[in-house]
């Protein structure tokens, strides 16, 4: 059975944190909502959009304003982030993924983005073809850190957890992997700090994507 690598997007493959903060702020301005503060916005990256807006606005997810904010975010996302997709890739990501794909490693995505937004980002960056499966927040009843997204990918491949490795920049990714029983690589160049990531007990820690590739070559593909 081929090895399976599951990647998060924001903060793992794409350096999108600044662009995400700008997009949230654009939504608040359009909807005439007081700005939530850049650090507060940054702290919600990795959560599904509805939960992020509910946290920032301190209201329930079911409130009508949440759906309006999410709709506006999708619009601003297409304007602010998609045109920059290629340049937002972290160094080594494009060539690294293509090389892994050529080695018959199975590649998938588990993200807190909506599936359509995630797919659009991958397409805009020109790397969508290397991925077999994209599981977004709208395809699960419980997003990361719940194990559902990881299990769905394993089911797609008819694979056991020991065949898969999760690569992500937040504790949500690592806790999801732990709950499924798969190994994980925590990357320190994204959203969560090294201390936070260490508390989640990843299998390995990487400080750049080249380091991720080295870990994969030395520990997973051999």
N, C-alpha and C. Protein backbone atom coordinates (compact mmCIF):
# COMPACT_ATOMS: atom_id res chain seq x y z
N UNK A 1 0.85 -1.21 0.00
CA UNK A 1 0.00 0.00 0.00
C UNK A 1 0.88 1.25 0.00
N UNK A 2 0.53 2.21 -0.86
CA UNK A 2 1.27 3.47 -0.93
C UNK A 2 1.10 4.29 0.35
N UNK A 3 2.11 5.10 0.64
CA UNK A 3 2.02 6.01 1.78
C UNK A 3 1.06 7.15 1.46
N UNK A 4 0.40 7.66 2.49
CA UNK A 4 -0.58 8.74 2.33
C UNK A 4 -0.13 9.93 3.15
N UNK A 5 -0.07 11.09 2.52
CA UNK A 5 0.25 12.33 3.21
C UNK A 5 -0.97 13.25 3.14
N UNK A 6 -1.38 13.75 4.30
CA UNK A 6 -2.53 14.65 4.38
C UNK A 6 -2.03 16.01 4.82
N UNK A 7 -2.33 17.04 4.05
CA UNK A 7 -1.83 18.38 4.33
C UNK A 7 -2.95 19.34 4.71
N UNK A 8 -2.66 20.18 5.68
CA UNK A 8 -3.46 21.37 5.93
C UNK A 8 -3.05 22.39 4.86
N UNK A 9 -3.83 23.46 4.71
CA UNK A 9 -3.50 24.48 3.71
C UNK A 9 -2.88 25.74 4.32
N UNK A 10 -3.70 26.53 5.01
CA UNK A 10 -3.23 27.81 5.55
C UNK A 10 -2.16 27.60 6.61
N UNK A 11 -1.00 28.20 6.40
CA UNK A 11 0.09 28.10 7.36
C UNK A 11 0.93 26.86 7.19
N UNK A 12 0.53 25.97 6.27
CA UNK A 12 1.28 24.73 6.02
C UNK A 12 1.81 24.71 4.60
N UNK A 13 0.92 24.84 3.62
CA UNK A 13 1.33 24.95 2.22
C UNK A 13 1.35 26.41 1.75
N UNK A 14 0.43 27.21 2.29
CA UNK A 14 0.28 28.61 1.86
C UNK A 14 0.54 29.57 3.01
N UNK A 15 1.30 30.62 2.72
CA UNK A 15 1.56 31.68 3.70
C UNK A 15 0.44 32.71 3.61
N UNK A 16 -0.72 32.33 4.12
CA UNK A 16 -1.93 33.14 3.91
C UNK A 16 -2.36 33.95 5.12
N UNK A 17 -1.62 33.87 6.24
CA UNK A 17 -2.12 34.50 7.46
C UNK A 17 -2.37 35.99 7.29
N UNK A 18 -1.43 36.72 6.66
CA UNK A 18 -1.63 38.16 6.49
C UNK A 18 -2.81 38.44 5.57
N UNK A 19 -2.92 37.67 4.49
CA UNK A 19 -4.02 37.86 3.54
C UNK A 19 -5.36 37.53 4.19
N UNK A 20 -5.39 36.52 5.06
CA UNK A 20 -6.64 36.17 5.76
C UNK A 20 -7.06 37.30 6.68
N UNK A 21 -6.11 37.86 7.42
CA UNK A 21 -6.42 38.98 8.31
C UNK A 21 -6.97 40.15 7.51
N UNK A 22 -6.35 40.46 6.37
CA UNK A 22 -6.82 41.54 5.50
C UNK A 22 -8.24 41.28 5.01
N UNK A 23 -8.52 40.00 4.70
CA UNK A 23 -9.85 39.63 4.20
C UNK A 23 -10.91 39.79 5.28
N UNK A 24 -10.62 39.33 6.50
CA UNK A 24 -11.54 39.53 7.62
C UNK A 24 -11.82 41.02 7.84
N UNK A 25 -10.76 41.83 7.83
CA UNK A 25 -10.94 43.27 8.04
C UNK A 25 -11.78 43.91 6.94
N UNK A 26 -11.61 43.41 5.71
CA UNK A 26 -12.42 43.92 4.60
C UNK A 26 -13.90 43.59 4.82
N UNK A 27 -14.17 42.40 5.34
CA UNK A 27 -15.55 42.00 5.64
C UNK A 27 -16.15 42.91 6.71
N UNK A 28 -15.40 43.17 7.78
CA UNK A 28 -15.89 44.02 8.87
C UNK A 28 -16.21 45.43 8.36
N UNK A 29 -15.37 45.93 7.44
CA UNK A 29 -15.60 47.28 6.91
C UNK A 29 -16.85 47.32 6.04
N UNK A 30 -17.01 46.33 5.19
CA UNK A 30 -18.18 46.28 4.30
C UNK A 30 -19.47 46.18 5.12
N UNK A 31 -19.44 45.34 6.16
CA UNK A 31 -20.64 45.13 6.98
C UNK A 31 -20.77 46.15 8.12
N UNK A 32 -19.81 47.10 8.14
CA UNK A 32 -19.82 48.17 9.16
C UNK A 32 -19.81 47.60 10.59
N UNK A 33 -18.93 46.60 10.77
CA UNK A 33 -18.72 45.98 12.08
C UNK A 33 -17.40 46.51 12.64
N UNK A 34 -17.34 46.86 13.91
CA UNK A 34 -16.07 47.31 14.49
C UNK A 34 -14.97 46.26 14.28
N UNK A 35 -13.77 46.71 13.94
CA UNK A 35 -12.66 45.80 13.69
C UNK A 35 -12.33 44.99 14.95
N UNK A 36 -12.00 43.72 14.75
CA UNK A 36 -11.78 42.82 15.88
C UNK A 36 -10.34 42.82 16.37
N UNK A 37 -9.43 43.39 15.59
CA UNK A 37 -8.02 43.38 15.96
C UNK A 37 -7.29 42.26 15.24
N UNK A 38 -6.13 42.59 14.64
CA UNK A 38 -5.41 41.62 13.81
C UNK A 38 -5.01 40.36 14.58
N UNK A 39 -4.54 40.52 15.82
CA UNK A 39 -4.10 39.35 16.59
C UNK A 39 -5.28 38.44 16.94
N UNK A 40 -6.42 39.04 17.23
CA UNK A 40 -7.61 38.24 17.51
C UNK A 40 -8.04 37.45 16.28
N UNK A 41 -7.96 38.10 15.12
CA UNK A 41 -8.30 37.40 13.86
C UNK A 41 -7.33 36.26 13.63
N UNK A 42 -6.06 36.55 13.78
CA UNK A 42 -5.01 35.54 13.56
C UNK A 42 -5.23 34.31 14.45
N UNK A 43 -5.70 34.54 15.66
CA UNK A 43 -5.92 33.44 16.61
C UNK A 43 -7.04 32.50 16.17
N UNK A 44 -7.91 32.95 15.26
CA UNK A 44 -9.01 32.10 14.80
C UNK A 44 -8.66 31.32 13.53
N UNK A 45 -7.50 31.60 12.94
CA UNK A 45 -7.12 30.89 11.72
C UNK A 45 -6.97 29.41 12.03
N UNK A 46 -7.61 28.58 11.21
CA UNK A 46 -7.65 27.14 11.46
C UNK A 46 -9.02 26.67 11.89
N UNK A 47 -9.86 27.64 12.30
CA UNK A 47 -11.25 27.31 12.63
C UNK A 47 -12.12 27.45 11.38
N UNK A 48 -13.24 26.73 11.31
CA UNK A 48 -14.20 26.98 10.22
C UNK A 48 -14.66 28.43 10.28
N UNK A 49 -15.00 29.01 9.12
CA UNK A 49 -15.36 30.43 9.05
C UNK A 49 -16.48 30.81 10.01
N UNK A 50 -17.52 30.00 10.07
CA UNK A 50 -18.65 30.34 10.95
C UNK A 50 -18.20 30.47 12.41
N UNK A 51 -17.36 29.52 12.83
CA UNK A 51 -16.88 29.54 14.21
C UNK A 51 -15.94 30.72 14.44
N UNK A 52 -15.12 31.03 13.44
CA UNK A 52 -14.19 32.16 13.56
C UNK A 52 -14.96 33.47 13.72
N UNK A 53 -15.96 33.69 12.87
CA UNK A 53 -16.75 34.92 12.98
C UNK A 53 -17.54 34.96 14.29
N UNK A 54 -18.10 33.84 14.70
CA UNK A 54 -18.84 33.80 15.96
C UNK A 54 -17.94 34.14 17.14
N UNK A 55 -16.71 33.65 17.09
CA UNK A 55 -15.74 33.95 18.16
C UNK A 55 -15.38 35.43 18.17
N UNK A 56 -15.09 35.97 16.99
CA UNK A 56 -14.67 37.37 16.89
C UNK A 56 -15.80 38.34 17.23
N UNK A 57 -17.03 37.98 16.86
CA UNK A 57 -18.17 38.86 17.11
C UNK A 57 -18.87 38.56 18.44
N UNK A 58 -18.44 37.47 19.07
CA UNK A 58 -19.02 37.06 20.35
C UNK A 58 -20.53 36.86 20.27
N UNK A 59 -20.94 36.16 19.20
CA UNK A 59 -22.35 35.83 19.02
C UNK A 59 -22.46 34.35 18.64
N UNK A 60 -23.68 33.83 18.62
CA UNK A 60 -23.88 32.43 18.28
C UNK A 60 -23.71 32.21 16.77
N UNK A 61 -23.26 31.01 16.42
CA UNK A 61 -23.05 30.64 15.01
C UNK A 61 -24.35 30.77 14.21
N UNK A 62 -25.49 30.54 14.87
CA UNK A 62 -26.79 30.55 14.17
C UNK A 62 -27.30 31.96 13.84
N UNK A 63 -26.66 32.99 14.38
CA UNK A 63 -27.13 34.37 14.12
C UNK A 63 -27.04 34.70 12.62
N UNK A 64 -28.03 35.42 12.06
CA UNK A 64 -28.03 35.77 10.63
C UNK A 64 -26.77 36.51 10.19
N UNK A 65 -26.18 37.30 11.08
CA UNK A 65 -24.98 38.06 10.73
C UNK A 65 -23.82 37.14 10.34
N UNK A 66 -23.77 35.95 10.92
CA UNK A 66 -22.69 35.02 10.63
C UNK A 66 -22.73 34.59 9.17
N UNK A 67 -23.91 34.21 8.68
CA UNK A 67 -24.01 33.78 7.28
C UNK A 67 -23.70 34.93 6.32
N UNK A 68 -24.09 36.16 6.70
CA UNK A 68 -23.76 37.33 5.88
C UNK A 68 -22.25 37.54 5.83
N UNK A 69 -21.61 37.40 6.99
CA UNK A 69 -20.16 37.59 7.08
C UNK A 69 -19.42 36.54 6.27
N UNK A 70 -19.87 35.28 6.36
CA UNK A 70 -19.23 34.19 5.60
C UNK A 70 -19.37 34.43 4.10
N UNK A 71 -20.57 34.84 3.67
CA UNK A 71 -20.81 35.12 2.25
C UNK A 71 -19.89 36.25 1.77
N UNK A 72 -19.77 37.29 2.57
CA UNK A 72 -18.91 38.42 2.20
C UNK A 72 -17.43 38.00 2.20
N UNK A 73 -17.07 37.13 3.14
CA UNK A 73 -15.69 36.64 3.19
C UNK A 73 -15.34 35.90 1.90
N UNK A 74 -16.27 35.05 1.43
CA UNK A 74 -16.02 34.29 0.20
C UNK A 74 -15.78 35.23 -0.98
N UNK A 75 -16.55 36.31 -1.01
CA UNK A 75 -16.40 37.31 -2.07
C UNK A 75 -15.03 38.00 -1.97
N UNK A 76 -14.70 38.46 -0.78
CA UNK A 76 -13.41 39.13 -0.57
C UNK A 76 -12.24 38.17 -0.80
N UNK A 77 -12.43 36.92 -0.44
CA UNK A 77 -11.40 35.89 -0.62
C UNK A 77 -11.03 35.75 -2.09
N UNK A 78 -12.07 35.73 -2.94
CA UNK A 78 -11.81 35.62 -4.39
C UNK A 78 -11.06 36.84 -4.91
N UNK A 79 -11.30 37.99 -4.29
CA UNK A 79 -10.65 39.22 -4.73
C UNK A 79 -9.24 39.38 -4.16
N UNK A 80 -9.08 39.02 -2.87
CA UNK A 80 -7.84 39.33 -2.14
C UNK A 80 -6.79 38.21 -2.19
N UNK A 81 -7.24 36.96 -2.12
CA UNK A 81 -6.29 35.86 -1.93
C UNK A 81 -6.04 35.05 -3.20
N UNK A 82 -7.08 34.68 -3.92
CA UNK A 82 -6.88 33.80 -5.08
C UNK A 82 -5.90 34.36 -6.11
N UNK A 83 -5.93 35.67 -6.42
CA UNK A 83 -4.96 36.18 -7.40
C UNK A 83 -3.50 36.05 -6.95
N UNK A 84 -3.28 35.92 -5.64
CA UNK A 84 -1.91 35.82 -5.11
C UNK A 84 -1.49 34.38 -4.81
N UNK A 85 -2.33 33.42 -5.15
CA UNK A 85 -2.14 32.04 -4.68
C UNK A 85 -0.75 31.49 -4.94
N UNK A 86 -0.25 31.68 -6.16
CA UNK A 86 1.06 31.11 -6.53
C UNK A 86 2.17 31.67 -5.65
N UNK A 87 2.15 32.98 -5.44
CA UNK A 87 3.22 33.61 -4.66
C UNK A 87 3.08 33.34 -3.16
N UNK A 88 1.91 32.89 -2.73
CA UNK A 88 1.70 32.59 -1.31
C UNK A 88 2.19 31.20 -0.91
N UNK A 89 2.55 30.37 -1.87
CA UNK A 89 3.10 29.06 -1.54
C UNK A 89 4.42 29.22 -0.79
N UNK A 90 4.60 28.46 0.27
CA UNK A 90 5.87 28.49 0.98
C UNK A 90 6.98 27.92 0.09
N UNK A 91 8.22 28.38 0.29
CA UNK A 91 9.35 27.85 -0.50
C UNK A 91 9.43 26.33 -0.43
N UNK A 92 9.60 25.71 -1.59
CA UNK A 92 9.76 24.26 -1.65
C UNK A 92 8.49 23.47 -1.81
N UNK A 93 7.33 24.12 -1.64
CA UNK A 93 6.06 23.38 -1.65
C UNK A 93 5.75 22.81 -3.04
N UNK A 94 5.78 23.65 -4.05
CA UNK A 94 5.37 23.18 -5.38
C UNK A 94 6.25 22.04 -5.88
N UNK A 95 7.55 22.25 -5.89
CA UNK A 95 8.47 21.21 -6.38
C UNK A 95 8.42 19.97 -5.49
N UNK A 96 8.30 20.19 -4.17
CA UNK A 96 8.26 19.07 -3.23
C UNK A 96 7.05 18.18 -3.43
N UNK A 97 5.88 18.80 -3.61
CA UNK A 97 4.65 18.02 -3.82
C UNK A 97 4.70 17.26 -5.14
N UNK A 98 5.21 17.90 -6.17
CA UNK A 98 5.31 17.25 -7.48
C UNK A 98 6.24 16.04 -7.39
N UNK A 99 7.36 16.21 -6.68
CA UNK A 99 8.31 15.10 -6.51
C UNK A 99 7.69 13.94 -5.74
N UNK A 100 6.94 14.25 -4.69
CA UNK A 100 6.27 13.20 -3.91
C UNK A 100 5.24 12.47 -4.76
N UNK A 101 4.51 13.23 -5.55
CA UNK A 101 3.48 12.66 -6.42
C UNK A 101 4.09 11.69 -7.43
N UNK A 102 5.28 12.02 -7.92
CA UNK A 102 5.96 11.15 -8.89
C UNK A 102 6.45 9.86 -8.24
N UNK A 103 6.61 9.88 -6.92
CA UNK A 103 7.05 8.69 -6.19
C UNK A 103 5.85 7.84 -5.76
N UNK A 104 4.70 8.13 -6.31
CA UNK A 104 3.47 7.38 -6.01
C UNK A 104 3.01 7.53 -4.56
N UNK A 105 3.41 8.64 -3.92
CA UNK A 105 2.85 8.95 -2.61
C UNK A 105 1.46 9.55 -2.84
N UNK A 106 0.48 9.11 -2.08
CA UNK A 106 -0.87 9.62 -2.22
C UNK A 106 -1.02 10.91 -1.40
N UNK A 107 -1.49 11.97 -2.03
CA UNK A 107 -1.59 13.28 -1.38
C UNK A 107 -3.05 13.72 -1.27
N UNK A 108 -3.42 14.18 -0.07
CA UNK A 108 -4.76 14.71 0.16
C UNK A 108 -4.69 15.95 1.04
N UNK A 109 -5.82 16.64 1.15
CA UNK A 109 -5.92 17.85 1.96
C UNK A 109 -7.04 17.70 2.96
N UNK A 110 -6.78 18.08 4.21
CA UNK A 110 -7.82 18.20 5.24
C UNK A 110 -7.73 19.62 5.77
N UNK A 111 -8.76 20.41 5.51
CA UNK A 111 -8.70 21.83 5.81
C UNK A 111 -9.97 22.32 6.49
N UNK A 112 -9.85 23.42 7.21
CA UNK A 112 -11.02 24.05 7.81
C UNK A 112 -11.71 25.01 6.84
N UNK A 113 -11.13 25.19 5.65
CA UNK A 113 -11.80 25.97 4.61
C UNK A 113 -12.99 25.19 4.06
N UNK A 114 -13.91 25.89 3.41
CA UNK A 114 -14.91 25.20 2.62
C UNK A 114 -14.19 24.52 1.45
N UNK A 115 -14.70 23.39 1.02
CA UNK A 115 -14.04 22.62 -0.03
C UNK A 115 -13.86 23.43 -1.31
N UNK A 116 -14.87 24.20 -1.69
CA UNK A 116 -14.79 24.99 -2.92
C UNK A 116 -13.67 26.02 -2.83
N UNK A 117 -13.52 26.66 -1.68
CA UNK A 117 -12.46 27.66 -1.49
C UNK A 117 -11.08 27.01 -1.52
N UNK A 118 -10.97 25.85 -0.87
CA UNK A 118 -9.69 25.13 -0.86
C UNK A 118 -9.30 24.69 -2.26
N UNK A 119 -10.26 24.15 -2.99
CA UNK A 119 -10.00 23.69 -4.36
C UNK A 119 -9.62 24.86 -5.25
N UNK A 120 -10.32 25.98 -5.10
CA UNK A 120 -10.01 27.17 -5.90
C UNK A 120 -8.59 27.67 -5.62
N UNK A 121 -8.17 27.62 -4.36
CA UNK A 121 -6.81 28.05 -3.99
C UNK A 121 -5.77 27.13 -4.62
N UNK A 122 -5.99 25.83 -4.53
CA UNK A 122 -5.06 24.87 -5.13
C UNK A 122 -4.98 25.04 -6.65
N UNK A 123 -6.13 25.27 -7.27
CA UNK A 123 -6.16 25.47 -8.73
C UNK A 123 -5.43 26.76 -9.11
N UNK A 124 -5.67 27.83 -8.34
CA UNK A 124 -5.03 29.11 -8.65
C UNK A 124 -3.52 29.03 -8.50
N UNK A 125 -3.06 28.16 -7.59
CA UNK A 125 -1.61 27.99 -7.39
C UNK A 125 -1.02 26.97 -8.36
N UNK A 126 -1.88 26.27 -9.10
CA UNK A 126 -1.42 25.29 -10.09
C UNK A 126 -0.94 23.98 -9.50
N UNK A 127 -1.41 23.63 -8.28
CA UNK A 127 -0.95 22.38 -7.66
C UNK A 127 -2.11 21.41 -7.37
N UNK A 128 -3.29 21.72 -7.88
CA UNK A 128 -4.46 20.89 -7.59
C UNK A 128 -4.33 19.47 -8.12
N UNK A 129 -3.60 19.28 -9.22
CA UNK A 129 -3.54 17.97 -9.87
C UNK A 129 -2.82 16.92 -9.04
N UNK A 130 -1.99 17.32 -8.09
CA UNK A 130 -1.25 16.32 -7.31
C UNK A 130 -2.09 15.71 -6.19
N UNK A 131 -3.24 16.31 -5.89
CA UNK A 131 -4.07 15.85 -4.77
C UNK A 131 -5.23 14.98 -5.25
N UNK A 132 -5.41 13.86 -4.56
CA UNK A 132 -6.52 12.95 -4.88
C UNK A 132 -7.82 13.39 -4.24
N UNK A 133 -7.72 13.98 -3.05
CA UNK A 133 -8.93 14.24 -2.26
C UNK A 133 -8.75 15.53 -1.47
N UNK A 134 -9.80 16.33 -1.42
CA UNK A 134 -9.81 17.55 -0.59
C UNK A 134 -11.03 17.47 0.32
N UNK A 135 -10.80 17.42 1.62
CA UNK A 135 -11.89 17.38 2.59
C UNK A 135 -11.94 18.72 3.31
N UNK A 136 -13.01 19.47 3.07
CA UNK A 136 -13.20 20.77 3.70
C UNK A 136 -14.16 20.69 4.87
N UNK A 137 -14.33 21.82 5.54
CA UNK A 137 -15.18 21.86 6.73
C UNK A 137 -16.64 21.53 6.41
N UNK A 138 -17.05 21.79 5.17
CA UNK A 138 -18.44 21.52 4.78
C UNK A 138 -18.69 20.06 4.44
N UNK A 139 -17.64 19.23 4.47
CA UNK A 139 -17.81 17.81 4.17
C UNK A 139 -17.80 16.93 5.42
N UNK A 140 -17.70 17.58 6.57
CA UNK A 140 -17.71 16.82 7.83
C UNK A 140 -18.72 17.45 8.79
N UNK A 141 -19.22 16.63 9.71
CA UNK A 141 -20.14 17.17 10.71
C UNK A 141 -19.35 17.83 11.85
N UNK A 142 -18.12 17.37 12.07
CA UNK A 142 -17.24 17.96 13.08
C UNK A 142 -15.86 18.18 12.48
N UNK A 143 -15.42 19.44 12.33
CA UNK A 143 -14.11 19.72 11.74
C UNK A 143 -12.96 19.40 12.71
N UNK A 144 -11.73 19.51 12.21
CA UNK A 144 -10.56 19.33 13.08
C UNK A 144 -10.71 20.22 14.32
N UNK A 145 -10.32 19.72 15.51
CA UNK A 145 -9.50 18.53 15.80
C UNK A 145 -10.25 17.20 15.87
N UNK A 146 -11.53 17.19 15.57
CA UNK A 146 -12.26 15.92 15.52
C UNK A 146 -11.62 15.03 14.44
N UNK A 147 -11.59 13.73 14.63
CA UNK A 147 -10.93 12.82 13.67
C UNK A 147 -11.68 12.58 12.37
N UNK A 148 -12.90 13.13 12.22
CA UNK A 148 -13.74 12.77 11.07
C UNK A 148 -13.06 13.01 9.72
N UNK A 149 -12.41 14.16 9.54
CA UNK A 149 -11.80 14.46 8.23
C UNK A 149 -10.69 13.47 7.90
N UNK A 150 -9.88 13.12 8.91
CA UNK A 150 -8.82 12.13 8.68
C UNK A 150 -9.39 10.76 8.34
N UNK A 151 -10.43 10.38 9.05
CA UNK A 151 -11.06 9.08 8.78
C UNK A 151 -11.66 9.02 7.38
N UNK A 152 -12.25 10.13 6.93
CA UNK A 152 -12.84 10.16 5.59
C UNK A 152 -11.76 9.92 4.52
N UNK A 153 -10.58 10.50 4.74
CA UNK A 153 -9.49 10.31 3.78
C UNK A 153 -9.00 8.86 3.81
N UNK A 154 -8.87 8.29 4.99
CA UNK A 154 -8.47 6.88 5.08
C UNK A 154 -9.49 5.98 4.40
N UNK A 155 -10.77 6.27 4.59
CA UNK A 155 -11.83 5.48 3.94
C UNK A 155 -11.72 5.59 2.42
N UNK A 156 -11.40 6.78 1.93
CA UNK A 156 -11.27 6.98 0.48
C UNK A 156 -10.20 6.05 -0.10
N UNK A 157 -9.10 5.90 0.64
CA UNK A 157 -8.00 5.04 0.17
C UNK A 157 -8.13 3.60 0.65
N UNK A 158 -9.14 3.31 1.47
CA UNK A 158 -9.28 1.99 2.12
C UNK A 158 -7.98 1.64 2.85
N UNK A 159 -7.50 2.62 3.63
CA UNK A 159 -6.19 2.49 4.28
C UNK A 159 -6.31 2.46 5.80
N UNK A 160 -5.28 1.91 6.44
CA UNK A 160 -5.18 1.91 7.90
C UNK A 160 -4.44 3.17 8.35
N UNK A 161 -4.68 3.63 9.58
CA UNK A 161 -4.05 4.87 10.06
C UNK A 161 -2.53 4.88 9.97
N UNK A 162 -1.90 3.71 10.16
CA UNK A 162 -0.42 3.68 10.14
C UNK A 162 0.17 3.97 8.77
N UNK A 163 -0.67 3.97 7.73
CA UNK A 163 -0.18 4.28 6.38
C UNK A 163 -0.16 5.79 6.11
N UNK A 164 -0.75 6.57 7.01
CA UNK A 164 -0.94 8.01 6.74
C UNK A 164 -0.19 8.89 7.73
N UNK A 165 0.18 10.08 7.25
CA UNK A 165 0.83 11.10 8.09
C UNK A 165 0.14 12.44 7.82
N UNK A 166 -0.21 13.15 8.89
CA UNK A 166 -0.82 14.48 8.79
C UNK A 166 0.26 15.53 8.93
N UNK A 167 0.23 16.55 8.06
CA UNK A 167 1.17 17.66 8.12
C UNK A 167 0.38 18.94 8.34
N UNK A 168 0.62 19.63 9.46
CA UNK A 168 -0.15 20.83 9.74
C UNK A 168 0.57 21.78 10.69
N UNK A 169 0.04 23.00 10.76
CA UNK A 169 0.70 24.05 11.55
C UNK A 169 -0.04 24.40 12.84
N UNK A 170 -1.15 23.72 13.12
CA UNK A 170 -1.90 24.02 14.35
C UNK A 170 -2.13 22.75 15.16
N UNK A 171 -2.46 22.96 16.42
CA UNK A 171 -2.77 21.81 17.28
C UNK A 171 -4.02 21.07 16.80
N UNK A 172 -4.91 21.78 16.07
CA UNK A 172 -6.10 21.13 15.51
C UNK A 172 -5.68 19.95 14.62
N UNK A 173 -4.64 20.19 13.80
CA UNK A 173 -4.15 19.16 12.89
C UNK A 173 -3.55 17.98 13.64
N UNK A 174 -2.75 18.31 14.67
CA UNK A 174 -2.05 17.25 15.41
C UNK A 174 -3.01 16.44 16.26
N UNK A 175 -3.95 17.11 16.93
CA UNK A 175 -4.94 16.38 17.74
C UNK A 175 -5.82 15.50 16.86
N UNK A 176 -6.14 15.97 15.67
CA UNK A 176 -6.91 15.15 14.73
C UNK A 176 -6.14 13.88 14.39
N UNK A 177 -4.86 14.05 14.05
CA UNK A 177 -4.02 12.90 13.71
C UNK A 177 -3.93 11.92 14.88
N UNK A 178 -3.71 12.45 16.07
CA UNK A 178 -3.62 11.60 17.26
C UNK A 178 -4.90 10.80 17.49
N UNK A 179 -6.04 11.48 17.27
CA UNK A 179 -7.33 10.83 17.49
C UNK A 179 -7.59 9.71 16.48
N UNK A 180 -7.06 9.88 15.27
CA UNK A 180 -7.23 8.85 14.23
C UNK A 180 -6.26 7.70 14.44
N UNK A 181 -5.08 8.03 15.05
CA UNK A 181 -4.05 7.01 15.22
C UNK A 181 -2.98 7.08 14.16
N UNK A 182 -2.90 8.21 13.47
CA UNK A 182 -1.85 8.38 12.45
C UNK A 182 -0.72 9.25 13.00
N UNK A 183 0.44 9.17 12.35
CA UNK A 183 1.57 10.00 12.73
C UNK A 183 1.38 11.42 12.19
N UNK A 184 2.21 12.34 12.68
CA UNK A 184 2.03 13.73 12.26
C UNK A 184 3.34 14.49 12.23
N UNK A 185 3.37 15.51 11.37
CA UNK A 185 4.48 16.46 11.30
C UNK A 185 3.90 17.83 11.61
N UNK A 186 4.35 18.44 12.70
CA UNK A 186 3.93 19.81 13.04
C UNK A 186 4.93 20.79 12.44
N UNK A 187 4.44 21.78 11.70
CA UNK A 187 5.34 22.79 11.13
C UNK A 187 5.26 24.06 11.99
N UNK A 188 6.43 24.63 12.26
CA UNK A 188 6.52 25.75 13.20
C UNK A 188 6.47 27.12 12.52
N UNK A 189 6.35 27.14 11.18
CA UNK A 189 6.37 28.41 10.44
C UNK A 189 4.97 28.95 10.17
N UNK A 190 3.94 28.32 10.77
CA UNK A 190 2.56 28.74 10.53
C UNK A 190 1.97 29.51 11.68
N UNK A 191 0.78 29.10 12.13
CA UNK A 191 0.01 29.87 13.10
C UNK A 191 0.40 29.60 14.55
N UNK A 192 0.47 28.33 14.94
CA UNK A 192 0.69 28.02 16.36
C UNK A 192 2.17 27.95 16.71
N UNK A 193 2.48 28.34 17.94
CA UNK A 193 3.87 28.39 18.40
C UNK A 193 4.42 26.99 18.62
N UNK A 194 5.75 26.91 18.73
CA UNK A 194 6.41 25.63 18.98
C UNK A 194 5.89 25.01 20.28
N UNK A 195 5.75 25.84 21.33
CA UNK A 195 5.27 25.34 22.63
C UNK A 195 3.89 24.72 22.51
N UNK A 196 2.99 25.40 21.81
CA UNK A 196 1.63 24.87 21.63
C UNK A 196 1.67 23.55 20.87
N UNK A 197 2.48 23.51 19.82
CA UNK A 197 2.56 22.31 18.99
C UNK A 197 3.16 21.15 19.78
N UNK A 198 4.18 21.42 20.58
CA UNK A 198 4.81 20.37 21.38
C UNK A 198 3.82 19.75 22.37
N UNK A 199 2.93 20.58 22.91
CA UNK A 199 1.92 20.08 23.85
C UNK A 199 0.98 19.07 23.20
N UNK A 200 0.77 19.23 21.89
CA UNK A 200 -0.12 18.32 21.16
C UNK A 200 0.55 16.99 20.83
N UNK A 201 1.86 16.90 21.05
CA UNK A 201 2.64 15.67 20.86
C UNK A 201 2.63 15.16 19.40
N UNK A 202 3.15 15.96 18.47
CA UNK A 202 3.32 15.46 17.10
C UNK A 202 4.44 14.43 17.05
N UNK A 203 4.48 13.64 15.99
CA UNK A 203 5.56 12.66 15.83
C UNK A 203 6.88 13.35 15.51
N UNK A 204 6.80 14.35 14.63
CA UNK A 204 7.98 15.12 14.24
C UNK A 204 7.62 16.61 14.22
N UNK A 205 8.66 17.46 14.29
CA UNK A 205 8.48 18.90 14.16
C UNK A 205 9.41 19.40 13.07
N UNK A 206 8.90 20.26 12.18
CA UNK A 206 9.68 20.80 11.07
C UNK A 206 9.64 22.32 11.09
N UNK A 207 10.77 22.95 10.79
CA UNK A 207 10.81 24.41 10.81
C UNK A 207 10.73 25.06 9.44
N UNK A 208 10.64 24.25 8.39
CA UNK A 208 10.42 24.77 7.03
C UNK A 208 9.91 23.61 6.18
N UNK A 209 9.42 23.90 4.98
CA UNK A 209 8.86 22.82 4.17
C UNK A 209 9.95 21.88 3.68
N UNK A 210 11.16 22.40 3.48
CA UNK A 210 12.27 21.52 3.09
C UNK A 210 12.54 20.49 4.19
N UNK A 211 12.39 20.91 5.44
CA UNK A 211 12.53 20.02 6.58
C UNK A 211 11.43 18.96 6.58
N UNK A 212 10.20 19.37 6.21
CA UNK A 212 9.08 18.42 6.07
C UNK A 212 9.46 17.33 5.06
N UNK A 213 9.98 17.75 3.92
CA UNK A 213 10.35 16.80 2.87
C UNK A 213 11.45 15.86 3.35
N UNK A 214 12.40 16.39 4.11
CA UNK A 214 13.49 15.56 4.63
C UNK A 214 12.95 14.50 5.60
N UNK A 215 12.04 14.92 6.48
CA UNK A 215 11.42 13.97 7.43
C UNK A 215 10.68 12.87 6.68
N UNK A 216 9.95 13.26 5.64
CA UNK A 216 9.20 12.28 4.83
C UNK A 216 10.15 11.28 4.18
N UNK A 217 11.22 11.80 3.59
CA UNK A 217 12.19 10.92 2.90
C UNK A 217 12.87 9.96 3.87
N UNK A 218 13.27 10.47 5.03
CA UNK A 218 14.06 9.67 5.97
C UNK A 218 13.23 8.73 6.83
N UNK A 219 11.99 9.09 7.12
CA UNK A 219 11.22 8.32 8.09
C UNK A 219 9.97 7.65 7.55
N UNK A 220 9.48 8.10 6.42
CA UNK A 220 8.19 7.60 5.94
C UNK A 220 8.32 6.80 4.65
N UNK A 221 9.20 7.24 3.76
CA UNK A 221 9.31 6.58 2.47
C UNK A 221 10.31 5.40 2.48
N UNK A 222 11.14 5.33 3.53
CA UNK A 222 12.12 4.24 3.57
C UNK A 222 11.51 2.96 4.14
